[in-house]
Amino acid sequence: QVQLVESGGGLVQAGGSLRLSCVAPGSIFTNNRMAWYRQAPGKQRELVASITPDGYTNYADSVKGRFAISRDNAKNTMYLQMNSLKSDDTALYYCYSRRYMSDYWGQGTQVTVSS
């Protein structure tokens, strides 16, 4: 069973920072686009940011300039640096990848921003 494992979530005050990590098996991580999604209570899951194997990135408008996605291909690890956090960023954050028409999700890590 393929596992993507997120970590780094927690409770932070508005304006603070957190860094999320996602470790994936090499078979999933290598040569595949990776992404962070989030889902807030009562809302649909949404794309936060994505990164290609070569490091090209894409961000949701709501996080541009505040969040930075990166990856360490030697460690099969993806990161999400989140700065200037807002209460609207409160959500369960998921690591995601897709390979051979199969979707792979982590279990999620909770981020709670207090105002």
C-alpha atoms as a PDB file:
ATOM      1  CA  GLN A   1       0.000   0.000   0.000  1.00  0.00           C
ATOM      2  CA  VAL A   2       1.428   3.311  -1.094  1.00  0.00           C
ATOM      3  CA  GLN A   3       1.770   5.857   1.674  1.00  0.00           C
ATOM      4  CA  LEU A   4       2.356   9.567   1.533  1.00  0.00           C
ATOM      5  CA  VAL A   5       3.131  10.862   5.008  1.00  0.00           C
ATOM      6  CA  GLU A   6       2.597  14.496   5.951  1.00  0.00           C
ATOM      7  CA  SER A   7       3.893  16.247   9.045  1.00  0.00           C
ATOM      8  CA  GLY A   8       4.406  19.732  10.406  1.00  0.00           C
ATOM      9  CA  GLY A   9       0.880  20.906  11.024  1.00  0.00           C
ATOM     10  CA  GLY A  10      -0.206  22.564  14.236  1.00  0.00           C
ATOM     11  CA  LEU A  11      -1.772  25.553  15.901  1.00  0.00           C
ATOM     12  CA  VAL A  12      -0.313  28.956  15.087  1.00  0.00           C
ATOM     13  CA  GLN A  13      -1.367  32.554  15.559  1.00  0.00           C
ATOM     14  CA  ALA A  14      -2.340  34.685  12.599  1.00  0.00           C
ATOM     15  CA  GLY A  15       0.761  36.099  10.959  1.00  0.00           C
ATOM     16  CA  GLY A  16       2.847  33.135  11.996  1.00  0.00           C
ATOM     17  CA  SER A  17       4.575  30.450   9.958  1.00  0.00           C
ATOM     18  CA  LEU A  18       4.568  26.683   9.586  1.00  0.00           C
ATOM     19  CA  ARG A  19       6.486  24.267   7.387  1.00  0.00           C
ATOM     20  CA  LEU A  20       4.778  21.123   6.178  1.00  0.00           C
ATOM     21  CA  SER A  21       6.638  18.071   4.932  1.00  0.00           C
ATOM     22  CA  CYS A  22       5.532  15.111   2.839  1.00  0.00           C
ATOM     23  CA  VAL A  23       7.581  11.963   2.424  1.00  0.00           C
ATOM     24  CA  ALA A  24       6.648   9.658  -0.432  1.00  0.00           C
ATOM     25  CA  PRO A  25       7.955   6.368  -1.776  1.00  0.00           C
ATOM     26  CA  GLY A  26      10.476   6.826  -4.534  1.00  0.00           C
ATOM     27  CA  SER A  27       8.189   5.091  -7.004  1.00  0.00           C
ATOM     28  CA  ILE A  28       5.624   7.853  -6.457  1.00  0.00           C
ATOM     29  CA  PHE A  29       7.924  10.812  -5.926  1.00  0.00           C
ATOM     30  CA  THR A  30      10.516  10.399  -8.629  1.00  0.00           C
ATOM     31  CA  ASN A  31       9.658  12.016 -11.957  1.00  0.00           C
ATOM     32  CA  ASN A  32       6.158  12.919 -10.813  1.00  0.00           C
ATOM     33  CA  ARG A  33       4.445  16.196 -10.154  1.00  0.00           C
ATOM     34  CA  MET A  34       3.633  16.599  -6.467  1.00  0.00           C
ATOM     35  CA  ALA A  35       1.031  18.837  -4.908  1.00  0.00           C
ATOM     36  CA  TRP A  36      -0.491  20.139  -1.690  1.00  0.00           C
ATOM     37  CA  TYR A  37      -4.248  20.311  -1.317  1.00  0.00           C
ATOM     38  CA  ARG A  38      -6.323  21.511   1.602  1.00  0.00           C
ATOM     39  CA  GLN A  39      -9.859  21.076   2.817  1.00  0.00           C
ATOM     40  CA  ALA A  40     -11.566  23.302   5.331  1.00  0.00           C
ATOM     41  CA  PRO A  41     -14.713  22.201   7.184  1.00  0.00           C
ATOM     42  CA  GLY A  42     -17.745  22.443   4.942  1.00  0.00           C
ATOM     43  CA  LYS A  43     -15.676  23.287   1.879  1.00  0.00           C
ATOM     44  CA  GLN A  44     -14.377  21.379  -1.109  1.00  0.00           C
ATOM     45  CA  ARG A  45     -10.815  20.209  -1.297  1.00  0.00           C
ATOM     46  CA  GLU A  46      -8.713  22.748  -3.190  1.00  0.00           C
ATOM     47  CA  LEU A  47      -5.289  22.844  -4.774  1.00  0.00           C
ATOM     48  CA  VAL A  48      -2.814  24.934  -2.808  1.00  0.00           C
ATOM     49  CA  ALA A  49       0.389  24.462  -4.789  1.00  0.00           C
ATOM     50  CA  SER A  50       2.120  22.015  -7.089  1.00  0.00           C
ATOM     51  CA  ILE A  51       5.667  21.336  -8.227  1.00  0.00           C
ATOM     52  CA  THR A  52       7.075  19.408 -11.168  1.00  0.00           C
ATOM     53  CA  PRO A  53      10.127  17.170 -10.945  1.00  0.00           C
ATOM     54  CA  ASP A  54      12.176  20.004 -12.455  1.00  0.00           C
ATOM     55  CA  GLY A  55      10.951  22.471  -9.870  1.00  0.00           C
ATOM     56  CA  TYR A  56       8.331  24.437 -11.772  1.00  0.00           C
ATOM     57  CA  THR A  57       5.699  25.639  -9.346  1.00  0.00           C
ATOM     58  CA  ASN A  58       2.076  26.699  -9.403  1.00  0.00           C
ATOM     59  CA  TYR A  59       0.050  28.366  -6.636  1.00  0.00           C
ATOM     60  CA  ALA A  60      -3.527  29.148  -5.807  1.00  0.00           C
ATOM     61  CA  ASP A  61      -4.131  32.879  -5.953  1.00  0.00           C
ATOM     62  CA  SER A  62      -5.050  32.899  -2.275  1.00  0.00           C
ATOM     63  CA  VAL A  63      -1.548  31.794  -1.192  1.00  0.00           C
ATOM     64  CA  LYS A  64       0.686  33.493  -3.780  1.00  0.00           C
ATOM     65  CA  GLY A  65       3.431  35.480  -2.111  1.00  0.00           C
ATOM     66  CA  ARG A  66       2.882  33.765   1.249  1.00  0.00           C
ATOM     67  CA  PHE A  67       3.465  30.054   0.601  1.00  0.00           C
ATOM     68  CA  ALA A  68       6.429  28.365  -1.062  1.00  0.00           C
ATOM     69  CA  ILE A  69       6.467  24.789  -2.302  1.00  0.00           C
ATOM     70  CA  SER A  70       9.735  22.928  -2.760  1.00  0.00           C
ATOM     71  CA  ARG A  71      11.056  19.404  -3.090  1.00  0.00           C
ATOM     72  CA  ASP A  72      14.199  17.479  -2.249  1.00  0.00           C
ATOM     73  CA  ASN A  73      14.459  14.734  -4.829  1.00  0.00           C
ATOM     74  CA  ALA A  74      17.287  13.030  -2.957  1.00  0.00           C
ATOM     75  CA  LYS A  75      15.043  12.622   0.104  1.00  0.00           C
ATOM     76  CA  ASN A  76      11.746  11.976  -1.722  1.00  0.00           C
ATOM     77  CA  THR A  77      10.345  14.844   0.317  1.00  0.00           C
ATOM     78  CA  MET A  78       8.157  17.796  -0.560  1.00  0.00           C
ATOM     79  CA  TYR A  79       7.726  20.900   1.578  1.00  0.00           C
ATOM     80  CA  LEU A  80       5.281  23.733   1.980  1.00  0.00           C
ATOM     81  CA  GLN A  81       6.581  26.810   3.738  1.00  0.00           C
ATOM     82  CA  MET A  82       3.613  28.841   4.913  1.00  0.00           C
ATOM     83  CA  ASN A  83       4.155  32.420   6.040  1.00  0.00           C
ATOM     84  CA  SER A  84       1.807  35.224   7.051  1.00  0.00           C
ATOM     85  CA  LEU A  85      -0.825  32.687   7.915  1.00  0.00           C
ATOM     86  CA  LYS A  86      -4.455  33.767   8.086  1.00  0.00           C
ATOM     87  CA  SER A  87      -7.497  32.236   9.718  1.00  0.00           C
ATOM     88  CA  ASP A  88      -8.723  31.318   6.213  1.00  0.00           C
ATOM     89  CA  ASP A  89      -5.733  28.992   5.908  1.00  0.00           C
ATOM     90  CA  THR A  90      -7.161  26.748   8.604  1.00  0.00           C
ATOM     91  CA  ALA A  91      -7.684  23.348   6.993  1.00  0.00           C
ATOM     92  CA  LEU A  92      -6.521  19.786   6.717  1.00  0.00           C
ATOM     93  CA  TYR A  93      -3.560  19.780   4.329  1.00  0.00           C
ATOM     94  CA  TYR A  94      -2.966  16.803   2.079  1.00  0.00           C
ATOM     95  CA  CYS A  95      -0.008  15.643   0.047  1.00  0.00           C
ATOM     96  CA  TYR A  96      -0.935  14.340  -3.416  1.00  0.00           C
ATOM     97  CA  SER A  97       0.612  12.667  -6.397  1.00  0.00           C
ATOM     98  CA  ARG A  98      -0.587  10.824  -9.448  1.00  0.00           C
ATOM     99  CA  ARG A  99       1.137   7.999 -11.293  1.00  0.00           C
ATOM    100  CA  TYR A 100      -0.133   5.747 -14.059  1.00  0.00           C
ATOM    101  CA  MET A 101      -3.661   7.104 -13.737  1.00  0.00           C
ATOM    102  CA  SER A 102      -3.773   6.359  -9.999  1.00  0.00           C
ATOM    103  CA  ASP A 103      -4.185   9.053  -7.354  1.00  0.00           C
ATOM    104  CA  TYR A 104      -2.201   8.921  -4.126  1.00  0.00           C
ATOM    105  CA  TRP A 105      -3.099  10.915  -1.019  1.00  0.00           C
ATOM    106  CA  GLY A 106      -1.616  11.284   2.405  1.00  0.00           C
ATOM    107  CA  GLN A 107      -3.669  11.132   5.591  1.00  0.00           C
ATOM    108  CA  GLY A 108      -3.501  14.891   6.049  1.00  0.00           C
ATOM    109  CA  THR A 109      -2.006  17.219   8.632  1.00  0.00           C
ATOM    110  CA  GLN A 110      -4.131  19.784  10.436  1.00  0.00           C
ATOM    111  CA  VAL A 111      -3.254  23.464  10.285  1.00  0.00           C
ATOM    112  CA  THR A 112      -5.185  25.747  12.603  1.00  0.00           C
ATOM    113  CA  VAL A 113      -4.634  29.501  12.555  1.00  0.00           C
ATOM    114  CA  SER A 114      -6.007  31.459  15.482  1.00  0.00           C
ATOM    115  CA  SER A 115      -6.974  35.083  14.988  1.00  0.00           C
END
